Amino acid sequence: MYWVNSRSAKNEQTGASFRIAGKAVEIWHPETGAKEPAHYTVENSRTKVSLQHWNDRR
């Protein structure tokens, strides 16, 4: 399990690369407990995940 946090108040789209492969990837929203499948690829035993943060606290 990895915790990824944005401290920015602006909308952002980025990616992350993890040194693991062969696992299911999902996004967990701690404020609601909701889970959703993540968009990812596996290259050279690394899992690359597309992440986006939309600030809905405006």
PDB file of N, CA and C in Angstrom:
ATOM      1  N   MET A   1       0.847  -1.163   0.000  1.00  0.00           N
ATOM      2  CA  MET A   1       0.000   0.000   0.000  1.00  0.00           C
ATOM      3  C   MET A   1       0.901   1.237   0.000  1.00  0.00           C
ATOM      4  N   TYR A   2       0.545   2.189  -0.829  1.00  0.00           N
ATOM      5  CA  TYR A   2       1.268   3.458  -0.903  1.00  0.00           C
ATOM      6  C   TYR A   2       0.287   4.584  -0.634  1.00  0.00           C
ATOM      7  N   TRP A   3       0.737   5.591   0.067  1.00  0.00           N
ATOM      8  CA  TRP A   3      -0.065   6.787   0.317  1.00  0.00           C
ATOM      9  C   TRP A   3       0.520   7.898  -0.539  1.00  0.00           C
ATOM     10  N   VAL A   4      -0.297   8.488  -1.413  1.00  0.00           N
ATOM     11  CA  VAL A   4       0.130   9.601  -2.261  1.00  0.00           C
ATOM     12  C   VAL A   4      -0.779  10.767  -1.917  1.00  0.00           C
ATOM     13  N   ASN A   5      -0.179  11.911  -1.615  1.00  0.00           N
ATOM     14  CA  ASN A   5      -0.927  13.054  -1.119  1.00  0.00           C
ATOM     15  C   ASN A   5      -0.524  14.306  -1.895  1.00  0.00           C
ATOM     16  N   SER A   6      -1.501  15.116  -2.269  1.00  0.00           N
ATOM     17  CA  SER A   6      -1.225  16.403  -2.892  1.00  0.00           C
ATOM     18  C   SER A   6      -1.492  17.496  -1.866  1.00  0.00           C
ATOM     19  N   ARG A   7      -0.535  18.366  -1.691  1.00  0.00           N
ATOM     20  CA  ARG A   7      -0.705  19.494  -0.766  1.00  0.00           C
ATOM     21  C   ARG A   7      -1.089  20.768  -1.509  1.00  0.00           C
ATOM     22  N   SER A   8      -1.305  20.644  -2.790  1.00  0.00           N
ATOM     23  CA  SER A   8      -1.645  21.792  -3.615  1.00  0.00           C
ATOM     24  C   SER A   8      -3.153  22.016  -3.618  1.00  0.00           C
ATOM     25  N   ALA A   9      -3.539  23.271  -3.724  1.00  0.00           N
ATOM     26  CA  ALA A   9      -4.960  23.608  -3.804  1.00  0.00           C
ATOM     27  C   ALA A   9      -5.441  23.675  -5.256  1.00  0.00           C
ATOM     28  N   LYS A  10      -4.531  23.467  -6.211  1.00  0.00           N
ATOM     29  CA  LYS A  10      -4.934  23.549  -7.616  1.00  0.00           C
ATOM     30  C   LYS A  10      -5.159  22.157  -8.203  1.00  0.00           C
ATOM     31  N   ASN A  11      -5.892  22.106  -9.293  1.00  0.00           N
ATOM     32  CA  ASN A  11      -6.127  20.846 -10.002  1.00  0.00           C
ATOM     33  C   ASN A  11      -4.831  20.403 -10.657  1.00  0.00           C
ATOM     34  N   GLU A  12      -4.522  19.119 -10.534  1.00  0.00           N
ATOM     35  CA  GLU A  12      -3.272  18.601 -11.073  1.00  0.00           C
ATOM     36  C   GLU A  12      -3.475  17.225 -11.688  1.00  0.00           C
ATOM     37  N   GLN A  13      -2.681  16.928 -12.699  1.00  0.00           N
ATOM     38  CA  GLN A  13      -2.625  15.595 -13.274  1.00  0.00           C
ATOM     39  C   GLN A  13      -1.157  15.221 -13.352  1.00  0.00           C
ATOM     40  N   THR A  14      -0.812  14.055 -12.822  1.00  0.00           N
ATOM     41  CA  THR A  14       0.579  13.616 -12.766  1.00  0.00           C
ATOM     42  C   THR A  14       0.636  12.102 -12.835  1.00  0.00           C
ATOM     43  N   GLY A  15       1.787  11.566 -12.647  1.00  0.00           N
ATOM     44  CA  GLY A  15       1.944  10.121 -12.637  1.00  0.00           C
ATOM     45  C   GLY A  15       2.909   9.711 -11.547  1.00  0.00           C
ATOM     46  N   ALA A  16       2.892   8.444 -11.223  1.00  0.00           N
ATOM     47  CA  ALA A  16       3.806   7.890 -10.229  1.00  0.00           C
ATOM     48  C   ALA A  16       4.289   6.541 -10.730  1.00  0.00           C
ATOM     49  N   SER A  17       5.520   6.197 -10.368  1.00  0.00           N
ATOM     50  CA  SER A  17       6.117   4.934 -10.772  1.00  0.00           C
ATOM     51  C   SER A  17       6.556   4.194  -9.513  1.00  0.00           C
ATOM     52  N   PHE A  18       6.131   2.941  -9.389  1.00  0.00           N
ATOM     53  CA  PHE A  18       6.417   2.143  -8.195  1.00  0.00           C
ATOM     54  C   PHE A  18       7.205   0.898  -8.578  1.00  0.00           C
ATOM     55  N   ARG A  19       8.146   0.497  -7.729  1.00  0.00           N
ATOM     56  CA  ARG A  19       8.986  -0.677  -7.994  1.00  0.00           C
ATOM     57  C   ARG A  19       8.266  -1.960  -7.596  1.00  0.00           C
ATOM     58  N   ILE A  20       7.148  -2.197  -8.233  1.00  0.00           N
ATOM     59  CA  ILE A  20       6.371  -3.409  -7.967  1.00  0.00           C
ATOM     60  C   ILE A  20       5.554  -3.729  -9.212  1.00  0.00           C
ATOM     61  N   ALA A  21       5.291  -4.986  -9.425  1.00  0.00           N
ATOM     62  CA  ALA A  21       4.478  -5.404 -10.576  1.00  0.00           C
ATOM     63  C   ALA A  21       3.654  -6.619 -10.155  1.00  0.00           C
ATOM     64  N   GLY A  22       2.609  -6.895 -10.900  1.00  0.00           N
ATOM     65  CA  GLY A  22       1.810  -8.085 -10.648  1.00  0.00           C
ATOM     66  C   GLY A  22       0.739  -7.920  -9.592  1.00  0.00           C
ATOM     67  N   LYS A  23       0.416  -6.688  -9.234  1.00  0.00           N
ATOM     68  CA  LYS A  23      -0.625  -6.431  -8.235  1.00  0.00           C
ATOM     69  C   LYS A  23      -1.753  -5.628  -8.879  1.00  0.00           C
ATOM     70  N   ALA A  24      -2.940  -5.752  -8.333  1.00  0.00           N
ATOM     71  CA  ALA A  24      -4.063  -4.934  -8.791  1.00  0.00           C
ATOM     72  C   ALA A  24      -3.893  -3.524  -8.242  1.00  0.00           C
ATOM     73  N   VAL A  25      -4.206  -2.534  -9.058  1.00  0.00           N
ATOM     74  CA  VAL A  25      -4.042  -1.137  -8.655  1.00  0.00           C
ATOM     75  C   VAL A  25      -5.405  -0.501  -8.518  1.00  0.00           C
ATOM     76  N   GLU A  26      -5.622   0.193  -7.408  1.00  0.00           N
ATOM     77  CA  GLU A  26      -6.870   0.921  -7.206  1.00  0.00           C
ATOM     78  C   GLU A  26      -6.582   2.220  -6.480  1.00  0.00           C
ATOM     79  N   ILE A  27      -7.471   3.163  -6.663  1.00  0.00           N
ATOM     80  CA  ILE A  27      -7.405   4.455  -5.982  1.00  0.00           C
ATOM     81  C   ILE A  27      -8.403   4.411  -4.836  1.00  0.00           C
ATOM     82  N   TRP A  28      -7.948   4.773  -3.678  1.00  0.00           N
ATOM     83  CA  TRP A  28      -8.801   4.809  -2.489  1.00  0.00           C
ATOM     84  C   TRP A  28      -8.962   6.259  -2.057  1.00  0.00           C
ATOM     85  N   HIS A  29     -10.185   6.696  -1.844  1.00  0.00           N
ATOM     86  CA  HIS A  29     -10.487   8.062  -1.415  1.00  0.00           C
ATOM     87  C   HIS A  29     -10.759   8.037   0.090  1.00  0.00           C
ATOM     88  N   PRO A  30      -9.800   8.451   0.915  1.00  0.00           N
ATOM     89  CA  PRO A  30      -9.955   8.318   2.367  1.00  0.00           C
ATOM     90  C   PRO A  30     -11.098   9.135   2.953  1.00  0.00           C
ATOM     91  N   GLU A  31     -11.468  10.235   2.289  1.00  0.00           N
ATOM     92  CA  GLU A  31     -12.543  11.069   2.835  1.00  0.00           C
ATOM     93  C   GLU A  31     -13.910  10.399   2.726  1.00  0.00           C
ATOM     94  N   THR A  32     -14.050   9.449   1.778  1.00  0.00           N
ATOM     95  CA  THR A  32     -15.337   8.769   1.600  1.00  0.00           C
ATOM     96  C   THR A  32     -15.241   7.250   1.763  1.00  0.00           C
ATOM     97  N   GLY A  33     -14.028   6.704   1.668  1.00  0.00           N
ATOM     98  CA  GLY A  33     -13.855   5.262   1.700  1.00  0.00           C
ATOM     99  C   GLY A  33     -14.103   4.599   0.354  1.00  0.00           C
ATOM    100  N   ALA A  34     -14.430   5.402  -0.663  1.00  0.00           N
ATOM    101  CA  ALA A  34     -14.706   4.856  -1.997  1.00  0.00           C
ATOM    102  C   ALA A  34     -13.409   4.373  -2.648  1.00  0.00           C
ATOM    103  N   LYS A  35     -13.512   3.305  -3.443  1.00  0.00           N
ATOM    104  CA  LYS A  35     -12.390   2.763  -4.194  1.00  0.00           C
ATOM    105  C   LYS A  35     -12.761   2.734  -5.667  1.00  0.00           C
ATOM    106  N   GLU A  36     -11.757   2.897  -6.523  1.00  0.00           N
ATOM    107  CA  GLU A  36     -11.986   2.812  -7.963  1.00  0.00           C
ATOM    108  C   GLU A  36     -10.749   2.228  -8.628  1.00  0.00           C
ATOM    109  N   PRO A  37     -10.903   1.545  -9.752  1.00  0.00           N
ATOM    110  CA  PRO A  37      -9.738   1.018 -10.464  1.00  0.00           C
ATOM    111  C   PRO A  37      -8.862   2.169 -10.953  1.00  0.00           C
ATOM    112  N   ALA A  38      -7.558   1.960 -10.961  1.00  0.00           N
ATOM    113  CA  ALA A  38      -6.628   2.987 -11.438  1.00  0.00           C
ATOM    114  C   ALA A  38      -6.206   2.675 -12.872  1.00  0.00           C
ATOM    115  N   HIS A  39      -5.842   3.713 -13.603  1.00  0.00           N
ATOM    116  CA  HIS A  39      -5.274   3.553 -14.940  1.00  0.00           C
ATOM    117  C   HIS A  39      -3.777   3.376 -14.763  1.00  0.00           C
ATOM    118  N   TYR A  40      -3.244   2.250 -15.239  1.00  0.00           N
ATOM    119  CA  TYR A  40      -1.826   1.990 -15.034  1.00  0.00           C
ATOM    120  C   TYR A  40      -1.260   1.120 -16.145  1.00  0.00           C
ATOM    121  N   THR A  41       0.057   1.128 -16.241  1.00  0.00           N
ATOM    122  CA  THR A  41       0.804   0.250 -17.139  1.00  0.00           C
ATOM    123  C   THR A  41       1.949  -0.360 -16.341  1.00  0.00           C
ATOM    124  N   VAL A  42       2.475  -1.475 -16.834  1.00  0.00           N
ATOM    125  CA  VAL A  42       3.634  -2.113 -16.212  1.00  0.00           C
ATOM    126  C   VAL A  42       4.741  -2.161 -17.252  1.00  0.00           C
ATOM    127  N   GLU A  43       5.899  -1.597 -16.907  1.00  0.00           N
ATOM    128  CA  GLU A  43       7.066  -1.580 -17.784  1.00  0.00           C
ATOM    129  C   GLU A  43       8.307  -1.873 -16.960  1.00  0.00           C
ATOM    130  N   ASN A  44       9.104  -2.840 -17.386  1.00  0.00           N
ATOM    131  CA  ASN A  44      10.362  -3.164 -16.716  1.00  0.00           C
ATOM    132  C   ASN A  44      10.182  -3.389 -15.217  1.00  0.00           C
ATOM    133  N   SER A  45       9.189  -4.169 -14.847  1.00  0.00           N
ATOM    134  CA  SER A  45       8.893  -4.509 -13.445  1.00  0.00           C
ATOM    135  C   SER A  45       8.506  -3.300 -12.598  1.00  0.00           C
ATOM    136  N   ARG A  46       8.057  -2.228 -13.238  1.00  0.00           N
ATOM    137  CA  ARG A  46       7.580  -1.041 -12.513  1.00  0.00           C
ATOM    138  C   ARG A  46       6.136  -0.781 -12.912  1.00  0.00           C
ATOM    139  N   THR A  47       5.339  -0.401 -11.961  1.00  0.00           N
ATOM    140  CA  THR A  47       3.946  -0.048 -12.213  1.00  0.00           C
ATOM    141  C   THR A  47       3.843   1.465 -12.289  1.00  0.00           C
ATOM    142  N   LYS A  48       3.358   1.972 -13.418  1.00  0.00           N
ATOM    143  CA  LYS A  48       3.199   3.409 -13.631  1.00  0.00           C
ATOM    144  C   LYS A  48       1.716   3.740 -13.563  1.00  0.00           C
ATOM    145  N   VAL A  49       1.369   4.640 -12.655  1.00  0.00           N
ATOM    146  CA  VAL A  49      -0.026   4.978 -12.381  1.00  0.00           C
ATOM    147  C   VAL A  49      -0.291   6.422 -12.764  1.00  0.00           C
ATOM    148  N   SER A  50      -1.382   6.648 -13.488  1.00  0.00           N
ATOM    149  CA  SER A  50      -1.832   7.992 -13.830  1.00  0.00           C
ATOM    150  C   SER A  50      -2.674   8.514 -12.671  1.00  0.00           C
ATOM    151  N   LEU A  51      -2.297   9.682 -12.148  1.00  0.00           N
ATOM    152  CA  LEU A  51      -2.995  10.254 -10.990  1.00  0.00           C
ATOM    153  C   LEU A  51      -3.519  11.638 -11.332  1.00  0.00           C
ATOM    154  N   GLN A  52      -4.665  11.959 -10.780  1.00  0.00           N
ATOM    155  CA  GLN A  52      -5.193  13.310 -10.927  1.00  0.00           C
ATOM    156  C   GLN A  52      -5.826  13.742  -9.616  1.00  0.00           C
ATOM    157  N   HIS A  53      -5.675  15.019  -9.325  1.00  0.00           N
ATOM    158  CA  HIS A  53      -6.237  15.598  -8.109  1.00  0.00           C
ATOM    159  C   HIS A  53      -7.082  16.785  -8.521  1.00  0.00           C
ATOM    160  N   TRP A  54      -8.362  16.696  -8.262  1.00  0.00           N
ATOM    161  CA  TRP A  54      -9.275  17.805  -8.552  1.00  0.00           C
ATOM    162  C   TRP A  54      -9.739  18.355  -7.221  1.00  0.00           C
ATOM    163  N   ASN A  55      -9.373  19.583  -6.950  1.00  0.00           N
ATOM    164  CA  ASN A  55      -9.725  20.219  -5.682  1.00  0.00           C
ATOM    165  C   ASN A  55     -11.200  20.565  -5.687  1.00  0.00           C
ATOM    166  N   ASP A  56     -11.968  19.845  -4.871  1.00  0.00           N
ATOM    167  CA  ASP A  56     -13.407  20.106  -4.803  1.00  0.00           C
ATOM    168  C   ASP A  56     -13.769  20.878  -3.549  1.00  0.00           C
ATOM    169  N   ARG A  57     -12.790  21.465  -2.881  1.00  0.00           N
ATOM    170  CA  ARG A  57     -13.047  22.234  -1.653  1.00  0.00           C
ATOM    171  C   ARG A  57     -12.953  23.733  -1.904  1.00  0.00           C
ATOM    172  N   ARG A  58     -13.369  24.178  -3.058  1.00  0.00           N
ATOM    173  CA  ARG A  58     -13.283  25.613  -3.381  1.00  0.00           C
ATOM    174  C   ARG A  58     -14.397  26.383  -2.752  1.00  0.00           C
TER     175      ARG A  58
END
